[in-house]
Protein backbone atom coordinates (compact mmCIF):
# COMPACT_ATOMS: atom_id res chain seq x y z
CA MET A 1 24.88 60.22 46.02
CA ASP A 2 24.05 62.64 48.82
CA GLY A 3 25.33 66.14 48.24
CA VAL A 4 25.75 65.66 44.48
CA ALA A 5 23.62 67.96 42.35
CA PRO A 6 21.46 66.16 39.78
CA GLN A 7 22.69 66.33 36.21
CA PRO A 8 20.82 68.62 33.85
CA PRO A 9 18.55 66.81 31.38
CA VAL A 10 20.01 65.73 28.05
CA LEU A 11 19.89 68.63 25.56
CA GLY A 12 17.80 70.51 28.13
CA VAL A 13 14.71 68.36 27.45
CA GLU A 14 12.59 68.49 30.61
CA ARG A 15 9.42 67.51 28.78
CA SER A 16 9.40 65.92 25.33
CA VAL A 17 6.40 65.78 23.02
CA THR A 18 5.39 62.56 24.82
CA GLY A 19 5.87 64.16 28.24
CA ARG A 20 9.19 62.54 29.10
CA ARG A 21 12.36 63.95 30.61
CA TRP A 22 15.60 62.91 28.93
CA ILE A 23 18.29 61.94 31.40
CA TRP A 24 21.73 60.38 31.11
CA ARG A 25 22.08 56.70 31.77
CA PRO A 26 24.61 56.37 34.63
CA ALA A 27 28.00 55.01 33.59
CA ASP A 28 31.56 55.21 34.86
CA PRO A 29 33.64 56.51 31.93
CA ARG A 30 36.84 55.11 33.44
CA THR A 31 35.39 51.59 33.48
CA GLY A 32 34.26 52.00 29.88
CA LEU A 33 37.71 53.15 28.80
CA GLY A 34 39.30 50.23 30.69
CA ILE A 35 37.08 47.73 28.90
CA ALA A 36 37.84 49.29 25.52
CA GLN A 37 41.59 49.24 26.13
CA ARG A 38 41.74 45.70 27.52
CA LEU A 39 39.65 44.13 24.73
CA GLY A 40 40.70 46.43 21.90
CA LEU A 41 37.16 47.78 21.44
CA PRO A 42 35.92 51.17 20.26
CA GLU A 43 35.44 53.45 23.26
CA VAL A 44 31.68 53.72 22.61
CA VAL A 45 31.29 49.94 23.04
CA GLY A 46 33.26 50.03 26.29
CA ARG A 47 31.10 52.88 27.54
CA LEU A 48 27.87 51.04 26.68
CA LEU A 49 29.10 47.90 28.44
CA ALA A 50 30.01 49.87 31.55
CA ALA A 51 26.55 51.44 31.60
CA ARG A 52 25.13 47.90 31.81
CA GLY A 53 27.23 47.03 34.83
CA ILE A 54 29.65 44.88 32.82
CA GLY A 55 33.23 45.04 34.07
CA PRO A 56 36.46 44.25 32.17
CA ASP A 57 36.55 40.66 33.46
CA HIS A 58 33.12 39.79 32.05
CA ALA A 59 32.99 41.93 28.91
CA GLY A 60 34.36 39.15 26.70
CA ASP A 61 31.66 36.67 27.73
CA PHE A 62 29.02 39.37 27.28
CA LEU A 63 30.06 40.13 23.70
CA GLU A 64 30.58 36.45 22.82
CA PRO A 65 28.17 34.55 25.09
CA THR A 66 28.68 30.77 24.94
CA LEU A 67 27.02 27.91 26.78
CA ARG A 68 30.45 26.50 27.54
CA ALA A 69 31.21 29.58 29.65
CA LEU A 70 27.76 30.45 31.01
CA MET A 71 25.68 27.26 31.34
CA PRO A 72 25.14 26.18 34.96
CA ASP A 73 25.30 22.61 36.21
CA PRO A 74 21.70 21.33 35.90
CA SER A 75 22.12 19.54 39.24
CA ALA A 76 22.24 22.93 40.93
CA LEU A 77 18.45 22.97 40.62
CA MET A 78 16.50 21.33 43.45
CA ASP A 79 15.02 17.95 42.36
CA MET A 80 16.79 18.01 38.98
CA ASP A 81 18.69 14.78 39.62
CA ALA A 82 15.46 12.99 40.55
CA ALA A 83 13.75 14.39 37.44
CA ALA A 84 16.63 13.30 35.18
CA ASP A 85 16.66 9.80 36.68
CA ARG A 86 12.90 9.41 36.08
CA LEU A 87 13.09 10.80 32.53
CA ALA A 88 16.03 8.48 31.75
CA ALA A 89 14.04 5.51 33.10
CA ALA A 90 11.15 6.44 30.80
CA VAL A 91 13.54 6.55 27.86
CA ARG A 92 15.12 3.19 28.65
CA SER A 93 11.66 1.56 28.91
CA GLY A 94 10.08 3.43 25.98
CA GLU A 95 7.25 4.64 28.21
CA HIS A 96 4.17 6.61 27.25
CA VAL A 97 4.83 10.15 28.50
CA ALA A 98 2.27 12.96 28.60
CA VAL A 99 3.71 16.48 28.33
CA PHE A 100 1.27 18.95 29.91
CA GLY A 101 2.01 22.53 28.86
CA ASP A 102 0.64 26.05 28.89
CA TYR A 103 -0.97 28.05 26.08
CA ASP A 104 1.58 30.88 25.90
CA VAL A 105 4.88 30.98 23.97
CA ASP A 106 6.97 29.63 26.86
CA GLY A 107 4.47 26.81 27.34
CA ALA A 108 4.43 25.96 23.64
CA CYS A 109 8.23 26.07 23.37
CA SER A 110 8.91 24.03 26.50
CA GLY A 111 6.19 21.56 25.49
CA ALA A 112 7.67 21.20 22.00
CA LEU A 113 11.20 20.88 23.40
CA MET A 114 10.36 18.11 25.87
CA SER A 115 8.07 16.31 23.40
CA ARG A 116 10.67 16.34 20.63
CA PHE A 117 13.47 15.31 23.02
CA LEU A 118 11.57 12.32 24.41
CA ARG A 119 10.22 11.21 21.02
CA ASP A 120 13.69 11.26 19.53
CA LEU A 121 14.80 8.99 22.37
CA GLY A 122 12.04 6.47 21.67
CA CYS A 123 9.20 7.43 24.03
CA GLU A 124 5.55 7.60 23.00
CA VAL A 125 4.59 11.20 23.73
CA SER A 126 1.16 12.82 24.15
CA PRO A 127 1.39 16.63 24.28
CA TYR A 128 -1.50 18.41 26.00
CA VAL A 129 -2.45 22.09 26.20
CA PRO A 130 -5.51 23.17 28.22
CA ASP A 131 -8.18 25.46 26.80
CA ARG A 132 -7.75 28.93 28.31
CA LEU A 133 -11.46 29.64 28.65
CA LYS A 134 -12.77 26.15 29.53
CA GLU A 135 -9.95 24.78 31.69
CA GLY A 136 -7.94 27.80 32.80
CA TYR A 137 -4.23 27.75 33.50
CA GLY A 138 -2.29 24.68 34.58
CA PRO A 139 -3.17 21.06 35.34
CA ASN A 140 -6.76 20.23 36.18
CA ALA A 141 -8.14 16.99 37.59
CA ALA A 142 -10.18 16.05 34.51
CA ALA A 143 -7.23 16.44 32.13
CA ILE A 144 -4.83 14.53 34.40
CA ASP A 145 -7.38 11.73 34.73
CA ALA A 146 -7.82 11.57 30.94
CA LEU A 147 -4.05 11.37 30.34
CA CYS A 148 -3.77 8.51 32.83
CA GLU A 149 -6.69 6.75 31.12
CA ARG A 150 -4.83 7.05 27.81
CA GLY A 151 -1.98 5.03 29.30
CA ALA A 152 0.55 7.68 30.27
CA THR A 153 2.86 6.34 32.98
CA LEU A 154 4.77 9.62 33.34
CA ILE A 155 3.32 13.13 33.19
CA VAL A 156 5.76 15.98 32.65
CA CYS A 157 4.31 19.43 33.40
CA VAL A 158 6.16 22.26 31.66
CA ASP A 159 5.62 25.96 32.46
CA CYS A 160 2.97 24.96 34.99
CA GLY A 161 2.28 22.51 37.80
CA ILE A 162 4.13 23.98 40.78
CA ALA A 163 0.83 25.19 42.31
CA ALA A 164 -1.31 22.24 41.18
CA ALA A 165 -0.87 19.78 44.05
CA GLU A 166 -4.58 18.95 44.20
CA ALA A 167 -4.99 18.28 40.47
CA LEU A 168 -1.76 16.27 40.24
CA ALA A 169 -2.89 14.05 43.12
CA VAL A 170 -5.32 12.46 40.64
CA ALA A 171 -2.29 10.70 39.12
CA ASP A 172 -1.31 9.00 42.42
CA GLY A 173 -0.77 5.28 41.84
CA ARG A 174 -1.42 5.63 38.12
CA ALA A 175 1.39 7.79 36.71
CA ASP A 176 4.48 9.50 38.07
CA VAL A 177 4.70 13.28 37.75
CA VAL A 178 7.66 15.56 37.06
CA VAL A 179 7.18 19.35 37.09
CA LEU A 180 9.50 21.69 35.13
CA ASP A 181 8.26 25.15 36.02
CA HIS A 182 9.48 28.64 36.90
CA HIS A 183 6.46 30.31 38.48
CA LYS A 184 6.39 31.30 42.13
CA ALA A 185 4.28 29.07 44.37
CA GLU A 186 2.57 30.17 47.57
CA GLY A 187 1.33 26.80 48.77
CA PRO A 188 3.04 23.48 49.43
CA ILE A 189 5.13 21.85 46.71
CA PRO A 190 3.24 18.93 45.09
CA ARG A 191 4.16 15.50 46.49
CA ILE A 192 5.52 14.08 43.24
CA ILE A 193 8.70 12.51 41.86
CA ALA A 194 10.35 15.87 41.18
CA ALA A 195 9.34 19.54 41.18
CA VAL A 196 12.12 21.41 39.39
CA ASN A 197 11.64 25.15 39.76
CA PRO A 198 14.36 27.75 40.35
CA ASN A 199 11.75 29.90 42.11
CA ARG A 200 11.07 27.32 44.81
CA LEU A 201 11.97 28.95 48.10
CA ASP A 202 14.25 26.00 48.90
CA CYS A 203 16.09 26.03 45.57
CA GLY A 204 19.54 27.55 45.87
CA SER A 205 20.44 27.54 42.18
CA GLY A 206 20.15 31.30 41.81
CA LEU A 207 18.47 30.81 38.42
CA HIS A 208 15.42 32.90 39.34
CA HIS A 209 15.16 34.61 35.97
CA VAL A 210 15.05 31.72 33.50
CA CYS A 211 11.91 30.65 31.65
CA ALA A 212 10.35 27.19 31.66
CA ALA A 213 11.91 26.27 28.31
CA ALA A 214 15.35 26.90 29.82
CA VAL A 215 14.45 24.62 32.74
CA ALA A 216 13.30 21.98 30.24
CA PHE A 217 16.57 22.36 28.31
CA LEU A 218 18.57 21.84 31.50
CA ALA A 219 16.41 18.77 32.27
CA ALA A 220 17.18 17.37 28.81
CA ALA A 221 20.91 17.93 29.37
CA ALA A 222 20.72 16.24 32.79
CA THR A 223 18.82 13.28 31.29
CA VAL A 224 21.40 12.81 28.55
CA ARG A 225 24.09 12.86 31.23
CA VAL A 226 22.33 10.06 33.15
CA LEU A 227 21.88 7.98 29.99
CA ARG A 228 25.49 8.57 28.99
CA LYS A 229 26.73 7.30 32.36
CA ALA A 230 24.57 4.20 31.90
CA ASN A 231 26.25 3.63 28.51
CA TRP A 232 22.85 3.84 26.82
CA PHE A 233 24.34 5.61 23.80
CA ALA A 234 26.84 2.83 23.06
CA ARG A 235 24.74 1.69 20.08
CA ARG A 236 22.71 4.80 19.30
CA SER A 237 23.54 8.44 18.67
CA GLU A 238 23.04 11.13 21.29
CA PRO A 239 20.35 13.74 20.61
CA ASP A 240 21.52 17.13 19.35
CA LEU A 241 20.57 19.33 22.30
CA LEU A 242 21.92 22.47 20.65
CA ALA A 243 19.29 22.07 17.92
CA LEU A 244 16.66 22.78 20.61
CA LEU A 245 18.03 26.23 21.39
CA ASP A 246 15.81 28.03 18.87
CA LEU A 247 12.85 27.04 21.06
CA VAL A 248 14.61 28.20 24.23
CA ALA A 249 15.55 31.53 22.66
CA LEU A 250 11.98 32.17 21.48
CA ALA A 251 10.57 31.41 24.93
CA THR A 252 13.20 33.46 26.77
CA VAL A 253 12.51 36.59 24.73
CA CYS A 254 8.73 36.24 24.70
CA ASP A 255 8.53 35.54 28.44
CA VAL A 256 10.49 38.80 28.93
CA MET A 257 13.40 37.23 30.77
CA PRO A 258 16.51 39.39 31.38
CA LEU A 259 19.02 38.96 28.56
CA THR A 260 22.04 38.59 30.79
CA GLY A 261 24.27 35.67 31.79
CA PHE A 262 22.91 32.23 30.91
CA ASN A 263 19.82 33.70 29.21
CA ARG A 264 22.03 35.80 26.96
CA ALA A 265 23.94 32.71 25.85
CA LEU A 266 20.70 30.80 25.22
CA VAL A 267 19.28 33.56 23.03
CA ALA A 268 22.51 34.35 21.17
CA GLN A 269 23.10 30.70 20.31
CA GLY A 270 19.41 30.01 19.69
CA LEU A 271 19.25 32.81 17.11
CA LYS A 272 22.07 31.11 15.21
CA VAL A 273 20.12 27.84 15.23
CA MET A 274 16.96 29.60 14.07
CA GLY A 275 18.88 31.30 11.27
CA ARG A 276 19.61 27.86 9.80
CA ARG A 277 15.82 27.28 9.47
CA GLY A 278 16.00 23.63 10.49
CA ARG A 279 12.61 23.64 12.23
CA ALA A 280 9.81 23.53 9.66
CA GLY A 281 7.26 25.35 11.84
CA ILE A 282 9.48 28.29 12.69
CA ALA A 283 10.74 28.54 9.10
CA ALA A 284 7.13 28.68 7.88
CA LEU A 285 6.19 31.35 10.42
CA LEU A 286 9.23 33.43 9.45
CA ASP A 287 8.10 33.23 5.82
CA VAL A 288 4.50 34.17 6.66
CA THR A 289 5.63 37.23 8.61
CA GLY A 290 7.86 38.33 5.74
CA ALA A 291 11.00 38.24 7.89
CA ARG A 292 13.96 38.35 5.48
CA ASP A 293 16.87 39.39 7.70
CA ALA A 294 18.74 37.15 10.13
CA PRO A 295 16.51 36.52 13.17
CA SER A 296 16.96 38.91 16.10
CA ALA A 297 15.36 39.33 19.51
CA HIS A 298 12.98 41.76 17.80
CA THR A 299 11.97 39.02 15.33
CA LEU A 300 11.13 36.70 18.22
CA GLY A 301 9.33 39.24 20.38
CA PHE A 302 7.35 41.14 17.74
CA LEU A 303 6.87 38.78 14.80
CA LEU A 304 6.89 35.15 15.96
CA GLY A 305 5.78 35.44 19.59
CA PRO A 306 2.51 37.34 19.10
CA ARG A 307 1.33 34.84 16.48
CA ILE A 308 2.06 31.81 18.64
CA ASN A 309 0.47 33.55 21.62
CA ALA A 310 -2.63 34.43 19.63
CA SER A 311 -3.80 30.81 19.42
CA GLY A 312 -3.74 30.47 23.20
CA ARG A 313 -5.52 33.79 23.64
CA ILE A 314 -8.43 33.56 21.22
CA GLY A 315 -7.93 30.46 19.03
CA GLU A 316 -7.16 26.76 19.28
CA PRO A 317 -4.96 26.46 22.39
CA ASP A 318 -2.54 23.91 20.96
CA LEU A 319 -2.05 25.47 17.52
CA GLY A 320 1.30 27.04 18.45
CA LEU A 321 2.58 23.76 19.88
CA ARG A 322 1.47 21.89 16.77
CA LEU A 323 3.38 24.35 14.61
CA LEU A 324 6.58 23.89 16.62
CA LEU A 325 6.29 20.10 16.44
CA CYS A 326 5.35 19.96 12.75
CA GLU A 327 7.93 18.36 10.44
CA ASP A 328 6.11 18.71 7.11
CA ALA A 329 6.76 21.99 5.30
CA VAL A 330 3.35 22.11 3.59
CA GLU A 331 1.44 21.43 6.81
CA ALA A 332 3.65 23.90 8.68
CA ARG A 333 2.84 26.62 6.16
CA ALA A 334 -0.90 26.00 6.60
CA ILE A 335 -0.65 26.21 10.39
CA ALA A 336 1.53 29.34 10.18
CA GLU A 337 -1.01 31.05 7.92
CA LYS A 338 -3.81 30.09 10.31
CA LEU A 339 -1.84 31.57 13.22
CA ASP A 340 -1.34 34.75 11.22
CA THR A 341 -5.10 34.97 10.64
CA VAL A 342 -5.83 34.35 14.33
CA ASN A 343 -3.30 37.04 15.24
CA ARG A 344 -5.05 39.58 13.01
CA ARG A 345 -8.29 38.74 14.77
CA ARG A 346 -6.49 39.14 18.12
CA GLN A 347 -5.31 42.58 17.01
CA GLU A 348 -8.89 43.58 16.15
CA VAL A 349 -10.19 42.38 19.51
CA GLU A 350 -7.28 44.06 21.28
CA GLY A 351 -7.90 47.32 19.41
CA GLU A 352 -11.55 47.41 20.52
CA VAL A 353 -10.63 46.83 24.16
CA LEU A 354 -7.67 49.22 23.95
CA ALA A 355 -9.78 52.14 22.78
CA ALA A 356 -12.33 51.73 25.56
CA ALA A 357 -9.68 51.11 28.22
CA HIS A 358 -7.67 54.16 27.14
CA ALA A 359 -10.66 56.47 27.60
CA MET A 360 -11.20 55.13 31.14
CA ALA A 361 -7.48 55.37 31.93
CA GLU A 362 -7.32 59.02 30.88
CA ARG A 363 -10.12 59.89 33.30
CA GLN A 364 -8.48 58.00 36.15
CA ALA A 365 -5.08 59.57 35.42
CA GLU A 366 -6.66 63.03 35.51
CA GLU A 367 -8.10 62.15 38.93
CA GLY A 368 -4.57 61.45 40.15
CA ARG A 369 -5.10 57.73 40.72
CA ALA A 370 -2.02 55.74 41.77
CA VAL A 371 -3.33 52.58 40.07
CA LEU A 372 -5.49 52.22 36.97
CA LEU A 373 -8.30 49.65 37.29
CA LEU A 374 -10.18 49.32 34.00
CA VAL A 375 -13.17 46.97 33.74
CA GLY A 376 -15.38 46.40 30.71
CA GLU A 377 -18.32 44.15 29.93
CA GLY A 378 -17.36 41.39 27.51
CA TRP A 379 -13.69 42.33 27.19
CA HIS A 380 -11.90 39.22 25.96
CA PRO A 381 -9.74 37.66 28.71
CA GLY A 382 -7.14 36.76 26.12
CA VAL A 383 -6.14 40.37 25.46
CA VAL A 384 -6.51 42.10 28.84
CA GLY A 385 -2.85 41.47 29.72
CA ILE A 386 -1.65 43.08 26.50
CA VAL A 387 -3.91 46.09 27.07
CA ALA A 388 -2.70 46.40 30.67
CA GLY A 389 0.86 46.54 29.38
CA ARG A 390 -0.03 49.31 26.92
CA MET A 391 -1.78 51.33 29.61
CA LYS A 392 1.18 50.92 31.96
CA GLU A 393 3.53 52.22 29.27
CA ARG A 394 1.26 55.12 28.33
CA PHE A 395 0.51 56.43 31.82
CA ASN A 396 3.53 55.19 33.84
CA ARG A 397 1.20 53.68 36.44
CA PRO A 398 0.37 50.09 37.47
CA ALA A 399 -2.54 49.10 35.24
CA CYS A 400 -5.10 46.35 35.86
CA VAL A 401 -7.53 45.46 33.08
CA ALA A 402 -10.43 43.04 33.47
CA GLY A 403 -13.24 41.67 31.34
CA LEU A 404 -16.65 41.24 32.96
CA SER A 405 -18.71 38.13 32.19
CA ASP A 406 -21.48 36.39 34.16
CA GLY A 407 -20.93 38.63 37.16
CA LEU A 408 -17.20 37.91 37.43
CA ALA A 409 -14.36 40.22 36.39
CA LYS A 410 -11.26 38.33 35.24
CA GLY A 411 -8.18 40.40 34.60
CA SER A 412 -4.47 40.91 34.37
CA GLY A 413 -2.18 43.64 35.63
CA ARG A 414 1.20 45.09 34.67
CA SER A 415 3.37 47.28 36.87
CA VAL A 416 6.25 49.73 36.69
CA PRO A 417 9.68 49.36 38.33
CA GLY A 418 9.60 49.86 42.09
CA VAL A 419 5.88 49.07 42.49
CA ASP A 420 5.13 45.47 43.58
CA LEU A 421 1.74 44.76 42.04
CA GLY A 422 1.86 41.02 42.73
CA ALA A 423 2.14 41.55 46.50
CA ALA A 424 -0.88 43.88 46.43
CA VAL A 425 -2.94 41.37 44.44
CA ILE A 426 -2.05 38.52 46.79
CA ALA A 427 -2.94 40.70 49.80
CA ALA A 428 -6.28 41.59 48.21
CA ARG A 429 -7.04 37.93 47.67
CA GLN A 430 -6.06 37.04 51.22
CA SER A 431 -8.34 39.80 52.51
CA GLY A 432 -11.30 38.26 50.64
CA LEU A 433 -11.69 41.04 48.05
CA LEU A 434 -10.53 38.86 45.17
CA GLU A 435 -11.80 35.43 44.20
CA THR A 436 -8.39 34.51 42.76
CA GLY A 437 -5.14 36.42 42.57
CA GLY A 438 -1.41 35.96 42.30
CA GLY A 439 1.67 37.14 40.47
CA HIS A 440 4.99 38.85 40.92
CA ALA A 441 6.23 42.43 41.17
CA MET A 442 5.68 43.34 37.51
CA ALA A 443 2.65 41.24 36.54
CA ALA A 444 -0.39 39.63 38.16
CA GLY A 445 -3.68 37.88 37.41
CA PHE A 446 -6.89 38.22 39.41
CA SER A 447 -10.67 37.91 39.48
CA PHE A 448 -13.40 39.52 41.58
CA ARG A 449 -17.17 39.75 41.78
CA ALA A 450 -18.73 42.47 39.61
CA GLY A 451 -19.96 44.66 42.45
CA ARG A 452 -16.58 44.91 44.17
CA ALA A 453 -14.65 46.95 41.62
CA GLU A 454 -14.58 50.12 43.72
CA GLU A 455 -13.48 48.20 46.83
CA VAL A 456 -10.70 46.49 44.89
CA HIS A 457 -9.58 49.78 43.38
CA ALA A 458 -9.52 51.47 46.79
CA PHE A 459 -7.46 48.59 48.22
CA PHE A 460 -4.89 48.86 45.42
CA GLU A 461 -4.80 52.64 45.79
CA GLU A 462 -4.00 52.36 49.49
CA ARG A 463 -1.41 49.59 49.10
CA LEU A 464 0.36 51.26 46.17
CA LYS A 465 -0.25 54.94 46.94
CA HIS A 466 3.42 55.79 46.36
CA ALA A 467 2.80 55.18 42.63
CA ALA A 468 0.82 58.44 42.57
CA LEU A 469 4.12 60.30 42.98
CA LEU A 470 5.49 58.93 39.71
CA PRO A 471 5.73 61.34 36.75
CA ALA A 472 3.06 61.00 34.08
CA ALA A 473 5.67 59.54 31.74
CA ALA A 474 8.81 57.57 32.61
CA ASP A 475 12.18 59.23 32.16
CA LEU A 476 14.02 58.26 28.97
CA LEU A 477 17.59 57.06 29.56
CA VAL A 478 19.96 58.42 26.89
CA GLU A 479 23.47 57.05 26.31
CA GLY A 480 24.91 59.61 23.92
CA THR A 481 24.23 62.60 21.70
CA LEU A 482 25.06 62.75 18.00
CA ASN A 483 24.60 65.11 15.10
CA VAL A 484 23.22 63.70 11.89
CA LEU A 485 26.64 63.46 10.27
CA ALA A 486 27.92 61.25 13.12
CA ALA A 487 24.97 58.84 12.90
CA GLN A 488 26.76 56.50 10.53
CA ALA A 489 26.44 52.81 9.71
CA ASP A 490 29.81 51.92 11.25
CA LEU A 491 28.66 53.29 14.62
CA ALA A 492 25.36 51.40 14.32
CA GLN A 493 27.29 48.18 13.63
CA GLU A 494 29.46 48.71 16.72
CA VAL A 495 26.34 49.23 18.85
CA ALA A 496 24.86 46.02 17.42
CA ARG A 497 27.71 44.05 19.02
CA LEU A 498 25.79 44.34 22.29
CA ALA A 499 22.76 42.49 20.86
CA PRO A 500 20.55 40.60 21.61
CA PHE A 501 18.71 43.45 23.31
CA GLY A 502 15.97 43.13 25.88
CA PRO A 503 15.32 43.43 29.62
CA GLY A 504 18.59 43.80 31.50
CA ASN A 505 20.31 44.79 28.26
CA GLU A 506 18.13 47.51 26.79
CA GLU A 507 18.97 48.74 23.32
CA PRO A 508 20.96 52.00 23.59
CA VAL A 509 19.09 55.25 23.02
CA PHE A 510 20.91 58.11 21.28
CA ALA A 511 19.77 61.71 20.96
CA ILE A 512 20.20 63.25 17.50
CA GLN A 513 20.65 67.01 17.83
CA ARG A 514 18.88 69.64 15.77
CA ALA A 515 17.53 67.61 12.89
CA ARG A 516 15.00 68.98 10.43
CA VAL A 517 12.43 66.78 8.69
CA VAL A 518 12.73 67.16 4.93
CA LYS A 519 10.31 64.41 3.93
CA ALA A 520 7.74 62.39 5.90
CA ASP A 521 4.88 60.03 5.09
CA ARG A 522 2.76 57.31 6.60
CA VAL A 523 3.40 53.64 5.79
CA GLY A 524 2.04 50.28 6.90
CA LYS A 525 -1.35 48.64 6.49
CA ASP A 526 -3.15 51.15 8.70
CA GLY A 527 -0.82 54.09 8.15
CA GLY A 528 0.20 53.91 11.80
CA THR A 529 3.93 54.04 11.07
CA VAL A 530 5.67 57.29 10.14
CA ARG A 531 8.74 57.24 7.91
CA ALA A 532 10.85 60.38 7.60
CA ILE A 533 14.16 61.66 6.28
CA VAL A 534 15.89 64.24 8.43
CA GLU A 535 18.72 66.62 7.64
CA GLY A 536 21.35 67.94 10.06
CA GLU A 537 22.27 71.59 10.42
CA GLY A 538 25.88 70.68 9.63
CA GLY A 539 24.84 68.49 6.70
CA GLY A 540 24.05 64.85 6.20
CA ARG A 541 20.76 62.98 5.97
CA LEU A 542 19.36 60.13 8.07
CA LYS A 543 16.44 57.78 7.50
CA THR A 544 14.07 57.45 10.46
CA ILE A 545 11.03 55.34 11.24
CA CYS A 546 8.51 55.62 14.06
CA PHE A 547 6.32 52.58 14.78
CA ARG A 548 2.89 52.71 16.47
CA ALA A 549 2.82 56.44 15.88
CA LYS A 550 -0.79 56.52 14.65
CA ASP A 551 -2.20 59.98 15.47
CA GLY A 552 -0.15 60.50 18.61
CA PRO A 553 2.25 63.34 19.41
CA LEU A 554 5.23 61.74 17.65
CA ALA A 555 3.29 61.41 14.41
CA GLN A 556 2.04 64.98 14.68
CA THR A 557 5.57 66.25 15.29
CA LEU A 558 7.23 64.37 12.44
CA LEU A 559 4.44 65.19 9.98
CA ALA A 560 4.10 68.87 10.98
CA PRO A 561 4.35 71.21 7.99
CA ASP A 562 6.51 73.88 9.72
CA ARG A 563 9.69 71.68 9.68
CA VAL A 564 11.18 73.26 12.81
CA PRO A 565 14.47 71.81 14.13
CA LEU A 566 13.97 68.83 16.44
CA HIS A 567 15.96 66.75 18.87
CA LEU A 568 15.18 63.09 18.15
CA CYS A 569 15.77 60.12 20.46
CA GLY A 570 15.92 56.57 19.21
CA HIS A 571 17.80 53.38 18.41
CA LEU A 572 20.54 53.65 15.78
CA ARG A 573 20.54 50.60 13.53
CA ALA A 574 22.43 49.39 10.49
CA GLU A 575 20.32 48.42 7.49
CA GLN A 576 21.37 46.46 4.42
CA TRP A 577 19.84 46.94 1.00
CA ASN A 578 21.24 45.78 -2.33
CA GLY A 579 24.62 45.13 -0.75
CA GLU A 580 24.86 48.60 0.81
CA THR A 581 24.84 49.23 4.57
CA THR A 582 23.30 52.46 5.84
CA ALA A 583 22.22 53.84 9.21
CA ALA A 584 18.63 54.44 10.30
CA LEU A 585 17.05 55.73 13.49
CA GLN A 586 14.01 54.08 15.07
CA VAL A 587 12.45 57.12 16.73
CA VAL A 588 11.11 56.69 20.27
CA ASP A 589 10.75 60.36 21.27
CA ALA A 590 11.18 63.94 20.04
CA ALA A 591 11.40 67.48 21.40
CA PRO A 592 11.61 70.95 19.86
CA ALA A 593 15.27 71.99 19.52
């Protein structure tokens, strides 16, 4: 507010070893206390809820998110009733339905969900996933024609289709089309039976932040409702829609949707379904990754998601979908192991591109560029988005990364809060600088001719010049300070009540004051993770772990031989081992005390 002096940084840290300033996350302590008193919660939980904008009236649903309380009426979505009527008609007639998906996790999950749902209701289903390199994203005329030739009388596009009016027109007079998508569309809506998309400009559902698998789940619920009204289940059992929630949870986390409201309920309930290991493909992938604990949002985002994504990036495009549809445990294990192998190859390819891109980014950052545009010959298009995300995190600037092949640079960009990269990319395409381009505020895709890199970079610099004023590293929001003795398992368990964590509900960061490393070593396959035990000045010891440390400043600080006192920032978590629960800190930053 005007006239209010800014708060001093947490523990006086103006610049940490990673270049970040530690600041307090804003929260009204009175609201936090009110929540704690009304619901009988520890004050720390009330304070954390208040910091997330949760008031006393909604705190109960936040801590115990249920579909009963948070699921919207599917009919609130434009065209949903028409989609449900057409899907129900296909079920009643046992039609041949083609499910056209995308090659990422959301596409695989929504494709598996709709395919399983329709098969269980008696339809013949042909799932289809395009090849990223040969066909690109979304429906194409040749694939639509082939599906019609195979006898499909209904084509359901999931996680794609809203911008594919021309390709979908190939089905006119041959097959009906229903689109279940969530991407923004610039052009006209396809003239089809139904185009269900909460991001249509004329859709008033307010569900702008759900993934395609959530849209598909709502379509399944609406279809069951139509069939129920028609008394179709009088002699047959209704499908178990809740059993599909593991797929919706996986897609929601991996598509980086905000974990609030309806999404929070989908993920919380979906994790329970996944924990029962009823889906052979997911159970096999959990085993291959070595995941032993109950599934969490971290499990989905960092263990399962990257492996399913890997097949669409550099492998067989439908391998992830096949895993999610597989019902045989032996076959599922073989596919899961193949995905794990493909993911390791993806990591190698990514590492090669990352090293080259990082060197370019450092030079551009030193020049004071507002936007990083990094282009390399032969960089694999399947990993440029991941690398762009890493560069954005490292330099706190919008980052665009492109691979050059046959005179065309194809790339992907990631942005930081407050900088609308998608609008800049669309403007560049409209100006003729880009061959293709689109996206939203935080992410975009594009392509341009090889000789136009400097022009494109200059255009982005001008459009997004305010990004040059950003600090070199984003501020770190801290929610509390603790000494080592106070960092106990019971506190970690209270904090865990706010899970699942993700966008819109970030995992709390605590600052541990004046801790001294007493033991540290490298662990992991490549030694890139640092494990340490720290001791507090007032006593007590705490286990810590720092992922992706490699040879960066955090690794150097934790492994330094001088053992000077440090302030550590990180996530406090409860760990179980041999029946004992202890606390551990996942370190995200450090500063000299």
